[in-house]
N, C-alpha and C. Protein backbone atom coordinates (compact mmCIF):
# COMPACT_ATOMS: atom_id res chain seq x y z
N MET A 1 -13.57 17.91 -35.69
CA MET A 1 -14.29 18.56 -36.77
C MET A 1 -13.77 19.99 -36.92
N GLU A 2 -13.55 20.43 -38.14
CA GLU A 2 -13.06 21.76 -38.41
C GLU A 2 -14.14 22.80 -38.06
N LEU A 3 -13.69 23.96 -37.57
CA LEU A 3 -14.62 24.99 -37.11
C LEU A 3 -15.58 25.43 -38.22
N ASP A 4 -15.07 25.61 -39.43
CA ASP A 4 -15.95 26.05 -40.53
C ASP A 4 -17.08 25.06 -40.77
N GLN A 5 -16.75 23.76 -40.72
CA GLN A 5 -17.77 22.73 -40.92
C GLN A 5 -18.75 22.71 -39.76
N LEU A 6 -18.21 22.90 -38.55
CA LEU A 6 -19.05 22.95 -37.35
C LEU A 6 -20.06 24.09 -37.45
N ILE A 7 -19.59 25.24 -37.90
CA ILE A 7 -20.47 26.41 -38.05
C ILE A 7 -21.50 26.16 -39.15
N ALA A 8 -21.07 25.55 -40.24
CA ALA A 8 -22.02 25.23 -41.33
C ALA A 8 -23.10 24.28 -40.81
N ASN A 9 -22.70 23.29 -40.03
CA ASN A 9 -23.68 22.36 -39.45
C ASN A 9 -24.62 23.10 -38.51
N PHE A 10 -24.08 24.02 -37.72
CA PHE A 10 -24.87 24.84 -36.82
C PHE A 10 -25.91 25.64 -37.61
N GLN A 11 -25.48 26.21 -38.72
CA GLN A 11 -26.40 26.99 -39.55
C GLN A 11 -27.48 26.11 -40.18
N ASN A 12 -27.17 24.83 -40.32
CA ASN A 12 -28.15 23.87 -40.85
C ASN A 12 -28.96 23.21 -39.74
N LYS A 13 -28.91 23.82 -38.55
CA LYS A 13 -29.71 23.39 -37.39
C LYS A 13 -29.32 22.01 -36.85
N ASP A 14 -28.03 21.70 -36.88
CA ASP A 14 -27.52 20.46 -36.31
C ASP A 14 -27.34 20.67 -34.80
N GLU A 15 -28.08 19.94 -34.00
CA GLU A 15 -28.05 20.11 -32.55
C GLU A 15 -26.69 19.75 -31.95
N LYS A 16 -26.01 18.78 -32.52
CA LYS A 16 -24.67 18.41 -32.02
C LYS A 16 -23.68 19.56 -32.24
N ALA A 17 -23.79 20.23 -33.36
CA ALA A 17 -22.94 21.39 -33.65
C ALA A 17 -23.24 22.51 -32.66
N PHE A 18 -24.53 22.71 -32.38
CA PHE A 18 -24.93 23.72 -31.40
C PHE A 18 -24.27 23.41 -30.05
N GLU A 19 -24.35 22.15 -29.63
CA GLU A 19 -23.79 21.74 -28.35
C GLU A 19 -22.28 21.96 -28.29
N LYS A 20 -21.58 21.62 -29.38
CA LYS A 20 -20.12 21.81 -29.41
C LYS A 20 -19.76 23.29 -29.36
N LEU A 21 -20.45 24.12 -30.13
CA LEU A 21 -20.18 25.55 -30.11
C LEU A 21 -20.51 26.16 -28.75
N TYR A 22 -21.58 25.69 -28.15
CA TYR A 22 -21.95 26.16 -26.82
C TYR A 22 -20.83 25.83 -25.83
N ASN A 23 -20.34 24.60 -25.88
CA ASN A 23 -19.26 24.19 -24.97
C ASN A 23 -17.97 24.97 -25.23
N MET A 24 -17.73 25.32 -26.47
CA MET A 24 -16.52 26.07 -26.83
C MET A 24 -16.57 27.52 -26.34
N TYR A 25 -17.73 28.14 -26.43
CA TYR A 25 -17.82 29.58 -26.23
C TYR A 25 -18.60 30.04 -25.00
N SER A 26 -19.27 29.16 -24.31
CA SER A 26 -20.15 29.60 -23.21
C SER A 26 -19.39 30.28 -22.07
N ASP A 27 -18.23 29.77 -21.69
CA ASP A 27 -17.47 30.40 -20.60
C ASP A 27 -17.05 31.83 -20.96
N SER A 28 -16.56 32.00 -22.17
CA SER A 28 -16.14 33.34 -22.61
C SER A 28 -17.32 34.30 -22.66
N MET A 29 -18.44 33.83 -23.20
CA MET A 29 -19.62 34.69 -23.31
C MET A 29 -20.16 35.03 -21.91
N HIS A 30 -20.15 34.04 -21.02
CA HIS A 30 -20.61 34.29 -19.65
C HIS A 30 -19.75 35.37 -19.00
N GLY A 31 -18.45 35.31 -19.21
CA GLY A 31 -17.54 36.30 -18.63
C GLY A 31 -17.81 37.70 -19.14
N VAL A 32 -18.02 37.83 -20.43
CA VAL A 32 -18.30 39.14 -21.01
C VAL A 32 -19.63 39.66 -20.48
N ILE A 33 -20.64 38.81 -20.47
CA ILE A 33 -21.96 39.22 -19.99
C ILE A 33 -21.90 39.58 -18.51
N TYR A 34 -21.21 38.76 -17.72
CA TYR A 34 -21.11 39.02 -16.28
C TYR A 34 -20.45 40.38 -16.01
N ASN A 35 -19.43 40.73 -16.78
CA ASN A 35 -18.77 42.02 -16.57
C ASN A 35 -19.71 43.19 -16.80
N ILE A 36 -20.78 42.97 -17.53
CA ILE A 36 -21.75 44.03 -17.78
C ILE A 36 -22.89 43.99 -16.77
N VAL A 37 -23.45 42.82 -16.51
CA VAL A 37 -24.63 42.75 -15.62
C VAL A 37 -24.26 42.56 -14.16
N ARG A 38 -23.07 42.07 -13.85
CA ARG A 38 -22.55 41.91 -12.48
C ARG A 38 -23.40 41.00 -11.61
N ASP A 39 -24.02 39.99 -12.20
CA ASP A 39 -24.82 39.02 -11.45
C ASP A 39 -24.74 37.69 -12.20
N HIS A 40 -24.24 36.65 -11.50
CA HIS A 40 -24.03 35.36 -12.17
C HIS A 40 -25.32 34.75 -12.71
N ASP A 41 -26.40 34.82 -11.94
CA ASP A 41 -27.66 34.23 -12.39
C ASP A 41 -28.20 34.94 -13.64
N ILE A 42 -28.14 36.25 -13.61
CA ILE A 42 -28.61 37.02 -14.76
C ILE A 42 -27.70 36.77 -15.96
N ALA A 43 -26.40 36.70 -15.70
CA ALA A 43 -25.44 36.43 -16.79
C ALA A 43 -25.73 35.07 -17.43
N GLU A 44 -26.04 34.09 -16.60
CA GLU A 44 -26.37 32.76 -17.10
C GLU A 44 -27.64 32.81 -17.96
N GLU A 45 -28.63 33.53 -17.46
CA GLU A 45 -29.90 33.65 -18.19
C GLU A 45 -29.69 34.35 -19.54
N VAL A 46 -28.94 35.44 -19.54
CA VAL A 46 -28.67 36.19 -20.77
C VAL A 46 -27.88 35.32 -21.75
N MET A 47 -26.91 34.56 -21.21
CA MET A 47 -26.09 33.70 -22.06
C MET A 47 -26.96 32.65 -22.76
N GLN A 48 -27.90 32.07 -22.02
CA GLN A 48 -28.81 31.09 -22.62
C GLN A 48 -29.61 31.75 -23.74
N ASP A 49 -30.10 32.95 -23.48
CA ASP A 49 -30.86 33.69 -24.48
C ASP A 49 -30.01 33.98 -25.72
N VAL A 50 -28.73 34.30 -25.50
CA VAL A 50 -27.82 34.60 -26.60
C VAL A 50 -27.68 33.39 -27.52
N PHE A 51 -27.48 32.21 -26.93
CA PHE A 51 -27.30 31.03 -27.76
C PHE A 51 -28.59 30.63 -28.48
N ILE A 52 -29.71 30.87 -27.85
CA ILE A 52 -30.99 30.60 -28.52
C ILE A 52 -31.17 31.58 -29.68
N LYS A 53 -30.84 32.85 -29.43
CA LYS A 53 -30.93 33.86 -30.48
C LYS A 53 -29.98 33.52 -31.64
N ALA A 54 -28.77 33.09 -31.30
CA ALA A 54 -27.79 32.70 -32.34
C ALA A 54 -28.33 31.52 -33.15
N TRP A 55 -28.97 30.58 -32.48
CA TRP A 55 -29.55 29.41 -33.14
C TRP A 55 -30.61 29.85 -34.15
N HIS A 56 -31.48 30.75 -33.72
CA HIS A 56 -32.56 31.21 -34.59
C HIS A 56 -32.08 32.12 -35.72
N LYS A 57 -30.97 32.82 -35.48
CA LYS A 57 -30.45 33.75 -36.49
C LYS A 57 -29.16 33.24 -37.12
N ALA A 58 -28.93 31.93 -37.04
CA ALA A 58 -27.68 31.34 -37.55
C ALA A 58 -27.42 31.69 -39.00
N ASP A 59 -28.48 31.79 -39.78
CA ASP A 59 -28.30 32.09 -41.20
C ASP A 59 -27.80 33.51 -41.44
N SER A 60 -27.87 34.38 -40.43
CA SER A 60 -27.38 35.75 -40.60
C SER A 60 -25.86 35.85 -40.40
N TYR A 61 -25.24 34.78 -39.89
CA TYR A 61 -23.78 34.80 -39.75
C TYR A 61 -23.14 34.67 -41.13
N ASN A 62 -22.17 35.53 -41.39
CA ASN A 62 -21.47 35.52 -42.67
C ASN A 62 -19.97 35.54 -42.38
N ALA A 63 -19.29 34.46 -42.71
CA ALA A 63 -17.86 34.32 -42.41
C ALA A 63 -17.02 35.40 -43.09
N SER A 64 -17.48 35.94 -44.19
CA SER A 64 -16.70 36.97 -44.88
C SER A 64 -16.71 38.30 -44.12
N LYS A 65 -17.64 38.45 -43.19
CA LYS A 65 -17.73 39.69 -42.41
C LYS A 65 -16.99 39.61 -41.08
N GLY A 66 -16.57 38.42 -40.68
CA GLY A 66 -15.82 38.28 -39.43
C GLY A 66 -15.92 36.88 -38.89
N ARG A 67 -15.18 36.64 -37.80
CA ARG A 67 -15.16 35.33 -37.18
C ARG A 67 -16.46 35.05 -36.42
N PHE A 68 -16.78 33.78 -36.30
CA PHE A 68 -17.98 33.36 -35.57
C PHE A 68 -17.91 33.84 -34.13
N PHE A 69 -16.72 33.74 -33.53
CA PHE A 69 -16.55 34.18 -32.15
C PHE A 69 -16.94 35.64 -32.00
N THR A 70 -16.51 36.48 -32.93
CA THR A 70 -16.82 37.91 -32.87
C THR A 70 -18.32 38.13 -33.03
N TRP A 71 -18.94 37.37 -33.92
CA TRP A 71 -20.38 37.48 -34.15
C TRP A 71 -21.14 37.18 -32.86
N ILE A 72 -20.82 36.07 -32.21
CA ILE A 72 -21.56 35.68 -31.01
C ILE A 72 -21.18 36.59 -29.83
N LEU A 73 -19.94 37.10 -29.82
CA LEU A 73 -19.52 38.04 -28.78
C LEU A 73 -20.35 39.32 -28.88
N ASN A 74 -20.57 39.81 -30.09
CA ASN A 74 -21.39 41.02 -30.26
C ASN A 74 -22.83 40.79 -29.84
N ILE A 75 -23.37 39.62 -30.15
CA ILE A 75 -24.73 39.30 -29.70
C ILE A 75 -24.76 39.29 -28.18
N SER A 76 -23.76 38.70 -27.56
CA SER A 76 -23.70 38.61 -26.09
C SER A 76 -23.61 39.99 -25.45
N ARG A 77 -22.70 40.79 -25.96
CA ARG A 77 -22.49 42.13 -25.41
C ARG A 77 -23.77 42.96 -25.54
N ASN A 78 -24.38 42.94 -26.71
CA ASN A 78 -25.60 43.71 -26.93
C ASN A 78 -26.75 43.22 -26.06
N ALA A 79 -26.86 41.91 -25.89
CA ALA A 79 -27.93 41.35 -25.05
C ALA A 79 -27.72 41.76 -23.59
N ALA A 80 -26.48 41.75 -23.14
CA ALA A 80 -26.19 42.15 -21.75
C ALA A 80 -26.50 43.63 -21.53
N ILE A 81 -26.12 44.45 -22.49
CA ILE A 81 -26.41 45.89 -22.38
C ILE A 81 -27.92 46.12 -22.40
N ASP A 82 -28.62 45.43 -23.29
CA ASP A 82 -30.08 45.54 -23.33
C ASP A 82 -30.69 45.14 -21.99
N LYS A 83 -30.14 44.10 -21.39
CA LYS A 83 -30.65 43.63 -20.09
C LYS A 83 -30.48 44.71 -19.02
N THR A 84 -29.32 45.36 -18.99
CA THR A 84 -29.08 46.39 -17.97
C THR A 84 -29.96 47.61 -18.18
N ARG A 85 -30.41 47.81 -19.39
CA ARG A 85 -31.27 48.96 -19.67
C ARG A 85 -32.75 48.66 -19.49
N SER A 86 -33.07 47.40 -19.25
CA SER A 86 -34.47 47.02 -19.09
C SER A 86 -35.01 47.53 -17.75
N LYS A 87 -36.28 47.78 -17.73
CA LYS A 87 -36.94 48.29 -16.52
C LYS A 87 -36.84 47.27 -15.38
N ALA A 88 -37.04 45.99 -15.69
CA ALA A 88 -36.97 44.94 -14.67
C ALA A 88 -35.59 44.90 -14.02
N PHE A 89 -34.54 45.04 -14.82
CA PHE A 89 -33.18 45.01 -14.28
C PHE A 89 -32.94 46.21 -13.38
N LYS A 90 -33.37 47.38 -13.83
CA LYS A 90 -33.17 48.58 -13.03
C LYS A 90 -33.94 48.49 -11.71
N ASN A 91 -35.15 47.94 -11.75
CA ASN A 91 -35.94 47.79 -10.53
C ASN A 91 -35.35 46.73 -9.61
N SER A 92 -34.71 45.71 -10.16
CA SER A 92 -34.14 44.65 -9.32
C SER A 92 -32.99 45.19 -8.47
N GLY A 93 -32.36 46.26 -8.89
CA GLY A 93 -31.25 46.82 -8.14
C GLY A 93 -31.66 47.71 -6.98
N LYS A 94 -32.94 47.97 -6.86
CA LYS A 94 -33.39 48.89 -5.81
C LYS A 94 -33.31 48.29 -4.42
N ASN A 95 -33.39 46.98 -4.30
CA ASN A 95 -33.38 46.35 -2.98
C ASN A 95 -32.21 45.40 -2.78
N LEU A 96 -31.08 45.74 -3.38
CA LEU A 96 -29.91 44.88 -3.21
C LEU A 96 -29.23 45.17 -1.89
N ASN A 97 -28.61 44.11 -1.34
CA ASN A 97 -27.88 44.34 -0.09
C ASN A 97 -26.50 44.91 -0.39
N SER A 98 -25.81 45.37 0.62
CA SER A 98 -24.52 46.03 0.45
C SER A 98 -23.45 45.10 -0.08
N GLU A 99 -23.59 43.79 0.12
CA GLU A 99 -22.60 42.83 -0.39
C GLU A 99 -22.44 42.99 -1.90
N PHE A 100 -23.53 43.22 -2.59
CA PHE A 100 -23.49 43.37 -4.05
C PHE A 100 -22.59 44.54 -4.43
N PHE A 101 -22.72 45.65 -3.75
CA PHE A 101 -21.97 46.84 -4.10
C PHE A 101 -20.51 46.73 -3.69
N VAL A 102 -20.23 46.03 -2.61
CA VAL A 102 -18.85 45.80 -2.20
C VAL A 102 -18.14 45.00 -3.29
N ASP A 103 -18.81 43.98 -3.82
CA ASP A 103 -18.22 43.15 -4.89
C ASP A 103 -17.92 44.00 -6.12
N ILE A 104 -18.79 44.89 -6.47
CA ILE A 104 -18.56 45.74 -7.64
C ILE A 104 -17.32 46.59 -7.42
N LEU A 105 -17.20 47.17 -6.24
CA LEU A 105 -16.04 48.02 -5.96
C LEU A 105 -14.74 47.23 -6.00
N GLU A 106 -14.78 46.00 -5.55
CA GLU A 106 -13.57 45.19 -5.53
C GLU A 106 -13.17 44.72 -6.92
N THR A 107 -14.11 44.47 -7.81
CA THR A 107 -13.78 43.82 -9.07
C THR A 107 -13.90 44.68 -10.30
N SER A 108 -14.44 45.86 -10.21
CA SER A 108 -14.68 46.62 -11.43
C SER A 108 -13.43 47.31 -11.97
N GLU A 109 -12.34 47.26 -11.27
CA GLU A 109 -11.14 47.96 -11.72
C GLU A 109 -10.33 47.18 -12.74
N SER A 110 -10.60 45.90 -12.90
CA SER A 110 -9.81 45.12 -13.85
C SER A 110 -10.70 44.16 -14.62
N LEU A 111 -10.15 43.61 -15.68
CA LEU A 111 -10.91 42.67 -16.48
C LEU A 111 -11.12 41.39 -15.67
N ASP A 112 -12.33 40.87 -15.71
CA ASP A 112 -12.68 39.66 -14.98
C ASP A 112 -11.94 38.45 -15.56
N ASP A 113 -11.58 37.49 -14.69
CA ASP A 113 -10.88 36.29 -15.15
C ASP A 113 -11.65 35.53 -16.20
N LYS A 114 -12.97 35.43 -16.05
CA LYS A 114 -13.76 34.69 -17.03
C LYS A 114 -13.72 35.38 -18.38
N THR A 115 -13.66 36.69 -18.40
CA THR A 115 -13.56 37.40 -19.66
C THR A 115 -12.27 37.02 -20.36
N ASP A 116 -11.22 36.80 -19.58
CA ASP A 116 -9.93 36.49 -20.17
C ASP A 116 -9.86 35.07 -20.70
N ALA A 117 -10.94 34.32 -20.62
CA ALA A 117 -10.95 32.99 -21.22
C ALA A 117 -10.68 33.10 -22.72
N ILE A 118 -10.95 34.24 -23.30
CA ILE A 118 -10.68 34.44 -24.72
C ILE A 118 -9.23 34.87 -24.94
N GLY A 119 -8.47 35.12 -23.88
CA GLY A 119 -7.05 35.43 -23.98
C GLY A 119 -6.73 36.84 -24.41
N ILE A 120 -7.66 37.74 -24.29
CA ILE A 120 -7.45 39.10 -24.78
C ILE A 120 -6.78 40.01 -23.74
N LYS A 121 -6.86 39.64 -22.47
CA LYS A 121 -6.35 40.51 -21.41
C LYS A 121 -4.88 40.86 -21.59
N LYS A 122 -4.07 39.87 -21.99
CA LYS A 122 -2.64 40.14 -22.14
C LYS A 122 -2.38 41.17 -23.24
N PHE A 123 -3.23 41.17 -24.27
CA PHE A 123 -3.07 42.15 -25.34
C PHE A 123 -3.57 43.52 -24.90
N VAL A 124 -4.71 43.56 -24.23
CA VAL A 124 -5.27 44.83 -23.76
C VAL A 124 -4.29 45.50 -22.80
N ASN A 125 -3.68 44.70 -21.92
CA ASN A 125 -2.75 45.26 -20.93
C ASN A 125 -1.47 45.81 -21.54
N LYS A 126 -1.16 45.44 -22.79
CA LYS A 126 0.02 45.98 -23.48
C LYS A 126 -0.26 47.36 -24.06
N LEU A 127 -1.53 47.72 -24.14
CA LEU A 127 -1.90 49.03 -24.68
C LEU A 127 -1.61 50.13 -23.66
N ALA A 128 -1.59 51.36 -24.14
CA ALA A 128 -1.41 52.51 -23.25
C ALA A 128 -2.58 52.57 -22.28
N LYS A 129 -2.34 53.17 -21.11
CA LYS A 129 -3.36 53.26 -20.06
C LYS A 129 -4.64 53.90 -20.59
N LYS A 130 -4.51 54.93 -21.41
CA LYS A 130 -5.70 55.60 -21.95
C LYS A 130 -6.54 54.64 -22.80
N CYS A 131 -5.89 53.71 -23.49
CA CYS A 131 -6.62 52.72 -24.30
C CYS A 131 -7.31 51.70 -23.40
N VAL A 132 -6.59 51.24 -22.38
CA VAL A 132 -7.16 50.24 -21.47
C VAL A 132 -8.42 50.80 -20.83
N GLU A 133 -8.38 52.06 -20.40
CA GLU A 133 -9.55 52.67 -19.76
C GLU A 133 -10.77 52.66 -20.69
N VAL A 134 -10.57 53.10 -21.91
CA VAL A 134 -11.67 53.20 -22.87
C VAL A 134 -12.20 51.82 -23.22
N ILE A 135 -11.32 50.89 -23.55
CA ILE A 135 -11.74 49.53 -23.94
C ILE A 135 -12.45 48.83 -22.79
N GLU A 136 -11.93 48.97 -21.59
CA GLU A 136 -12.57 48.33 -20.44
C GLU A 136 -13.99 48.85 -20.23
N LEU A 137 -14.16 50.15 -20.31
CA LEU A 137 -15.50 50.72 -20.11
C LEU A 137 -16.46 50.34 -21.23
N LEU A 138 -16.02 50.46 -22.47
CA LEU A 138 -16.92 50.24 -23.59
C LEU A 138 -17.21 48.77 -23.87
N TYR A 139 -16.20 47.92 -23.74
CA TYR A 139 -16.38 46.54 -24.16
C TYR A 139 -16.56 45.54 -23.03
N PHE A 140 -16.00 45.83 -21.88
CA PHE A 140 -16.08 44.85 -20.80
C PHE A 140 -17.06 45.26 -19.69
N LYS A 141 -17.40 46.53 -19.65
CA LYS A 141 -18.36 46.97 -18.63
C LYS A 141 -19.67 47.45 -19.24
N GLY A 142 -19.74 47.50 -20.56
CA GLY A 142 -20.99 47.80 -21.24
C GLY A 142 -21.39 49.27 -21.23
N TYR A 143 -20.45 50.17 -20.99
CA TYR A 143 -20.79 51.59 -21.01
C TYR A 143 -21.09 52.03 -22.44
N THR A 144 -21.96 53.01 -22.56
CA THR A 144 -22.15 53.65 -23.86
C THR A 144 -21.00 54.63 -24.03
N GLN A 145 -20.82 55.15 -25.23
CA GLN A 145 -19.76 56.13 -25.44
C GLN A 145 -20.01 57.38 -24.61
N LYS A 146 -21.27 57.74 -24.47
CA LYS A 146 -21.63 58.92 -23.66
C LYS A 146 -21.28 58.68 -22.19
N GLU A 147 -21.61 57.50 -21.67
CA GLU A 147 -21.30 57.18 -20.27
C GLU A 147 -19.79 57.15 -20.06
N ALA A 148 -19.05 56.58 -21.01
CA ALA A 148 -17.59 56.54 -20.91
C ALA A 148 -17.03 57.97 -20.92
N SER A 149 -17.61 58.81 -21.76
CA SER A 149 -17.20 60.21 -21.84
C SER A 149 -17.37 60.90 -20.49
N GLU A 150 -18.51 60.67 -19.85
CA GLU A 150 -18.78 61.28 -18.55
C GLU A 150 -17.86 60.71 -17.47
N THR A 151 -17.65 59.39 -17.48
CA THR A 151 -16.81 58.74 -16.47
C THR A 151 -15.36 59.20 -16.59
N LEU A 152 -14.86 59.28 -17.82
CA LEU A 152 -13.47 59.66 -18.05
C LEU A 152 -13.29 61.18 -18.11
N GLU A 153 -14.39 61.90 -18.04
CA GLU A 153 -14.39 63.36 -18.08
C GLU A 153 -13.63 63.88 -19.30
N MET A 154 -14.07 63.40 -20.48
CA MET A 154 -13.48 63.85 -21.74
C MET A 154 -14.60 63.96 -22.78
N PRO A 155 -14.39 64.76 -23.80
CA PRO A 155 -15.41 64.91 -24.84
C PRO A 155 -15.73 63.57 -25.51
N ILE A 156 -16.98 63.43 -25.92
CA ILE A 156 -17.39 62.17 -26.54
C ILE A 156 -16.62 61.90 -27.83
N GLY A 157 -16.27 62.95 -28.55
CA GLY A 157 -15.47 62.79 -29.77
C GLY A 157 -14.11 62.18 -29.48
N THR A 158 -13.53 62.56 -28.35
CA THR A 158 -12.23 62.00 -27.95
C THR A 158 -12.38 60.53 -27.61
N VAL A 159 -13.47 60.17 -26.94
CA VAL A 159 -13.73 58.76 -26.61
C VAL A 159 -13.86 57.94 -27.90
N LYS A 160 -14.61 58.48 -28.87
CA LYS A 160 -14.82 57.77 -30.13
C LYS A 160 -13.50 57.59 -30.89
N THR A 161 -12.72 58.65 -30.96
CA THR A 161 -11.43 58.58 -31.66
C THR A 161 -10.48 57.62 -30.96
N ARG A 162 -10.41 57.75 -29.66
CA ARG A 162 -9.52 56.88 -28.88
C ARG A 162 -9.95 55.42 -29.03
N ASN A 163 -11.25 55.17 -28.98
CA ASN A 163 -11.77 53.82 -29.14
C ASN A 163 -11.35 53.26 -30.50
N ARG A 164 -11.58 54.02 -31.54
CA ARG A 164 -11.23 53.56 -32.90
C ARG A 164 -9.74 53.29 -33.01
N ASN A 165 -8.90 54.21 -32.53
CA ASN A 165 -7.46 54.04 -32.64
C ASN A 165 -6.95 52.89 -31.78
N CYS A 166 -7.51 52.74 -30.58
CA CYS A 166 -7.07 51.68 -29.68
C CYS A 166 -7.49 50.30 -30.19
N ILE A 167 -8.68 50.21 -30.74
CA ILE A 167 -9.14 48.93 -31.30
C ILE A 167 -8.28 48.57 -32.52
N LYS A 168 -7.94 49.56 -33.32
CA LYS A 168 -7.06 49.32 -34.47
C LYS A 168 -5.71 48.79 -33.99
N GLU A 169 -5.16 49.43 -32.97
CA GLU A 169 -3.87 49.00 -32.40
C GLU A 169 -3.99 47.59 -31.82
N LEU A 170 -5.08 47.31 -31.13
CA LEU A 170 -5.30 45.98 -30.55
C LEU A 170 -5.43 44.93 -31.65
N ARG A 171 -6.17 45.26 -32.70
CA ARG A 171 -6.35 44.33 -33.83
C ARG A 171 -5.00 44.00 -34.46
N GLU A 172 -4.17 45.02 -34.68
CA GLU A 172 -2.84 44.79 -35.27
C GLU A 172 -1.98 43.92 -34.37
N MET A 173 -2.08 44.14 -33.06
CA MET A 173 -1.30 43.37 -32.09
C MET A 173 -1.73 41.90 -32.09
N VAL A 174 -3.03 41.66 -32.12
CA VAL A 174 -3.56 40.30 -32.06
C VAL A 174 -3.29 39.55 -33.36
N LEU A 175 -3.42 40.21 -34.48
CA LEU A 175 -3.28 39.54 -35.77
C LEU A 175 -1.84 39.35 -36.21
N ASN A 176 -0.89 40.02 -35.55
CA ASN A 176 0.52 39.85 -35.94
C ASN A 176 1.25 38.90 -35.06
């Protein structure tokens, strides 16, 4: 079945279309969410919520504004960031054992393999180091622009400009 028809069926509340789209995109969404929340169980829970939210808001997807993948990726990223900002999430980190923090130190320096299920890592790695740093923080680790500014020790305006220019460069690379 063609993707456009599958999405149309999804928007018409076809459960089989939902299942196919879930199978197509769940690994990629889990990877993106995991890179932000850093916990597989929470990532799984957020991912389930994302697909339910997408199901309920299916009529808000507009193909003329972008690809379905991008639409659901944005829902996933925003849901993961919202989760990390929730009081329950912040409180859950107060009694974590040291294993959790060791894992973060070992894996936070590069894009997670599950995130690369969408095949973007090879394109991101072709960008200049300054672009990779900004994109990794903003899109794969869920930092706000302010947090990225503080982490990279640069003005927020520079982060915004670099983000815009790097995403433009990445878009041109992927689409050509």
